[in-house]
Amino acid sequence: MNALEIKTREEIEDLKRDWKNDPCWDIENTEGFEVHKNELKAYSDECELEWSKTAEKRKARENKKLEEELERIGALGMLKMIKALKSRLNEAEERIYNLENPNG
């Protein structure tokens, strides 16, 4: 097959679908699809923008949930959480020390 051959719409859509399921390569540089480089680059850019917006929305939802949880538990709750985390950290540090110094 000639490398500069125009692909069918079905071939292009199949490539896009395959790439979207596993976007581990630059779709616009796919061998055999050189003639369609601009279309494939535009598609890649569109997907990247969509994924970025989705990630931003997810992060905003997570932040809102965290803010609501912090408001719910208040300062005293946060203090209790910090103390519990500090205790867990101290225990972990002690275990690490014991592993590094088995004879005490």
C-alpha atoms as a PDB file:
ATOM      1  CA  MET A   1       0.000   0.000   0.000  1.00  0.00           C
ATOM      2  CA  ASN A   2       1.322   3.427  -0.908  1.00  0.00           C
ATOM      3  CA  ALA A   3       2.200   5.503   2.190  1.00  0.00           C
ATOM      4  CA  LEU A   4       0.519   8.568   0.662  1.00  0.00           C
ATOM      5  CA  GLU A   5      -2.744   6.786  -0.096  1.00  0.00           C
ATOM      6  CA  ILE A   6      -5.930   8.398   1.156  1.00  0.00           C
ATOM      7  CA  LYS A   7      -7.621   6.234   3.756  1.00  0.00           C
ATOM      8  CA  THR A   8     -11.331   5.566   3.917  1.00  0.00           C
ATOM      9  CA  ARG A   9     -13.467   7.304   6.536  1.00  0.00           C
ATOM     10  CA  GLU A  10     -13.923   3.917   8.214  1.00  0.00           C
ATOM     11  CA  GLU A  11     -10.158   3.372   8.443  1.00  0.00           C
ATOM     12  CA  ILE A  12      -9.680   6.834   9.931  1.00  0.00           C
ATOM     13  CA  GLU A  13     -12.486   6.361  12.468  1.00  0.00           C
ATOM     14  CA  ASP A  14     -11.104   2.917  13.409  1.00  0.00           C
ATOM     15  CA  LEU A  15      -7.694   4.499  14.003  1.00  0.00           C
ATOM     16  CA  LYS A  16      -9.214   7.265  16.110  1.00  0.00           C
ATOM     17  CA  ARG A  17     -11.168   4.737  18.178  1.00  0.00           C
ATOM     18  CA  ASP A  18      -8.082   2.568  18.717  1.00  0.00           C
ATOM     19  CA  TRP A  19      -5.992   5.586  19.683  1.00  0.00           C
ATOM     20  CA  LYS A  20      -8.623   6.964  22.058  1.00  0.00           C
ATOM     21  CA  ASN A  21      -8.699   3.603  23.870  1.00  0.00           C
ATOM     22  CA  ASP A  22      -4.910   3.683  24.249  1.00  0.00           C
ATOM     23  CA  PRO A  23      -3.444   7.119  23.420  1.00  0.00           C
ATOM     24  CA  CYS A  24       0.159   6.103  23.932  1.00  0.00           C
ATOM     25  CA  TRP A  25       1.418   7.445  20.609  1.00  0.00           C
ATOM     26  CA  ASP A  26       1.071  10.601  18.541  1.00  0.00           C
ATOM     27  CA  ILE A  27      -1.862   9.664  16.327  1.00  0.00           C
ATOM     28  CA  GLU A  28      -0.932  12.281  13.741  1.00  0.00           C
ATOM     29  CA  ASN A  29       2.343  10.424  13.100  1.00  0.00           C
ATOM     30  CA  THR A  30       0.708   7.049  12.411  1.00  0.00           C
ATOM     31  CA  GLU A  31       2.409   5.307   9.512  1.00  0.00           C
ATOM     32  CA  GLY A  32       0.182   5.061   6.476  1.00  0.00           C
ATOM     33  CA  PHE A  33      -1.981   8.009   7.561  1.00  0.00           C
ATOM     34  CA  GLU A  34       0.401  10.801   6.585  1.00  0.00           C
ATOM     35  CA  VAL A  35      -2.163  12.363   4.230  1.00  0.00           C
ATOM     36  CA  HIS A  36      -4.529  12.745   7.210  1.00  0.00           C
ATOM     37  CA  LYS A  37      -1.984  14.281   9.591  1.00  0.00           C
ATOM     38  CA  ASN A  38      -3.851  17.597  10.062  1.00  0.00           C
ATOM     39  CA  GLU A  39      -7.184  15.891  10.792  1.00  0.00           C
ATOM     40  CA  LEU A  40      -5.556  13.477  13.224  1.00  0.00           C
ATOM     41  CA  LYS A  41      -3.651  16.262  15.000  1.00  0.00           C
ATOM     42  CA  ALA A  42      -6.875  18.264  15.372  1.00  0.00           C
ATOM     43  CA  TYR A  43      -8.595  15.171  16.773  1.00  0.00           C
ATOM     44  CA  SER A  44      -5.740  14.606  19.224  1.00  0.00           C
ATOM     45  CA  ASP A  45      -5.875  18.232  20.377  1.00  0.00           C
ATOM     46  CA  GLU A  46      -9.662  18.026  20.798  1.00  0.00           C
ATOM     47  CA  CYS A  47      -9.380  14.867  22.907  1.00  0.00           C
ATOM     48  CA  GLU A  48      -6.614  16.334  25.059  1.00  0.00           C
ATOM     49  CA  LEU A  49      -8.745  19.414  25.733  1.00  0.00           C
ATOM     50  CA  GLU A  50     -11.756  17.249  26.599  1.00  0.00           C
ATOM     51  CA  TRP A  51      -9.681  15.086  28.960  1.00  0.00           C
ATOM     52  CA  SER A  52      -8.190  18.170  30.580  1.00  0.00           C
ATOM     53  CA  LYS A  53     -11.628  19.682  31.193  1.00  0.00           C
ATOM     54  CA  THR A  54     -12.866  16.380  32.624  1.00  0.00           C
ATOM     55  CA  ALA A  55      -9.870  16.214  34.977  1.00  0.00           C
ATOM     56  CA  GLU A  56     -10.464  19.821  36.074  1.00  0.00           C
ATOM     57  CA  LYS A  57     -14.135  19.101  36.778  1.00  0.00           C
ATOM     58  CA  ARG A  58     -13.235  15.974  38.765  1.00  0.00           C
ATOM     59  CA  LYS A  59     -10.671  17.929  40.794  1.00  0.00           C
ATOM     60  CA  ALA A  60     -13.206  20.689  41.476  1.00  0.00           C
ATOM     61  CA  ARG A  61     -15.748  18.103  42.703  1.00  0.00           C
ATOM     62  CA  GLU A  62     -13.118  16.500  44.950  1.00  0.00           C
ATOM     63  CA  ASN A  63     -12.145  19.902  46.367  1.00  0.00           C
ATOM     64  CA  LYS A  64     -15.785  20.790  47.021  1.00  0.00           C
ATOM     65  CA  LYS A  65     -16.333  17.497  48.858  1.00  0.00           C
ATOM     66  CA  LEU A  66     -13.211  18.114  50.924  1.00  0.00           C
ATOM     67  CA  GLU A  67     -14.327  21.644  51.791  1.00  0.00           C
ATOM     68  CA  GLU A  68     -17.765  20.368  52.808  1.00  0.00           C
ATOM     69  CA  GLU A  69     -16.205  17.645  54.954  1.00  0.00           C
ATOM     70  CA  LEU A  70     -13.882  20.138  56.644  1.00  0.00           C
ATOM     71  CA  GLU A  71     -16.806  22.461  57.336  1.00  0.00           C
ATOM     72  CA  ARG A  72     -18.775  19.536  58.758  1.00  0.00           C
ATOM     73  CA  ILE A  73     -16.095  18.338  61.151  1.00  0.00           C
ATOM     74  CA  GLY A  74     -14.922  21.804  62.177  1.00  0.00           C
ATOM     75  CA  ALA A  75     -11.681  22.820  63.867  1.00  0.00           C
ATOM     76  CA  LEU A  76     -11.965  20.249  66.669  1.00  0.00           C
ATOM     77  CA  GLY A  77     -12.445  17.449  64.163  1.00  0.00           C
ATOM     78  CA  MET A  78      -9.442  18.622  62.175  1.00  0.00           C
ATOM     79  CA  LEU A  79      -7.349  18.716  65.338  1.00  0.00           C
ATOM     80  CA  LYS A  80      -8.366  15.127  66.120  1.00  0.00           C
ATOM     81  CA  MET A  81      -7.478  14.061  62.585  1.00  0.00           C
ATOM     82  CA  ILE A  82      -4.074  15.754  62.811  1.00  0.00           C
ATOM     83  CA  LYS A  83      -3.354  14.056  66.158  1.00  0.00           C
ATOM     84  CA  ALA A  84      -4.351  10.666  64.724  1.00  0.00           C
ATOM     85  CA  LEU A  85      -2.116  11.215  61.690  1.00  0.00           C
ATOM     86  CA  LYS A  86       0.764  12.318  63.913  1.00  0.00           C
ATOM     87  CA  SER A  87       0.351   9.164  65.996  1.00  0.00           C
ATOM     88  CA  ARG A  88       0.377   6.983  62.865  1.00  0.00           C
ATOM     89  CA  LEU A  89       3.469   8.803  61.615  1.00  0.00           C
ATOM     90  CA  ASN A  90       5.255   8.231  64.930  1.00  0.00           C
ATOM     91  CA  GLU A  91       4.374   4.518  64.795  1.00  0.00           C
ATOM     92  CA  ALA A  92       5.661   4.260  61.226  1.00  0.00           C
ATOM     93  CA  GLU A  93       8.890   6.045  62.136  1.00  0.00           C
ATOM     94  CA  GLU A  94       9.375   3.661  65.072  1.00  0.00           C
ATOM     95  CA  ARG A  95       8.854   0.622  62.816  1.00  0.00           C
ATOM     96  CA  ILE A  96      11.357   1.990  60.316  1.00  0.00           C
ATOM     97  CA  TYR A  97      13.870   2.641  63.101  1.00  0.00           C
ATOM     98  CA  ASN A  98      13.402  -0.929  64.387  1.00  0.00           C
ATOM     99  CA  LEU A  99      13.907  -2.353  60.886  1.00  0.00           C
ATOM    100  CA  GLU A 100      17.079  -0.319  60.404  1.00  0.00           C
ATOM    101  CA  ASN A 101      18.371  -1.123  63.910  1.00  0.00           C
ATOM    102  CA  PRO A 102      17.294  -4.687  64.677  1.00  0.00           C
ATOM    103  CA  ASN A 103      19.510  -4.927  67.777  1.00  0.00           C
ATOM    104  CA  GLY A 104      18.067  -1.763  69.321  1.00  0.00           C
END
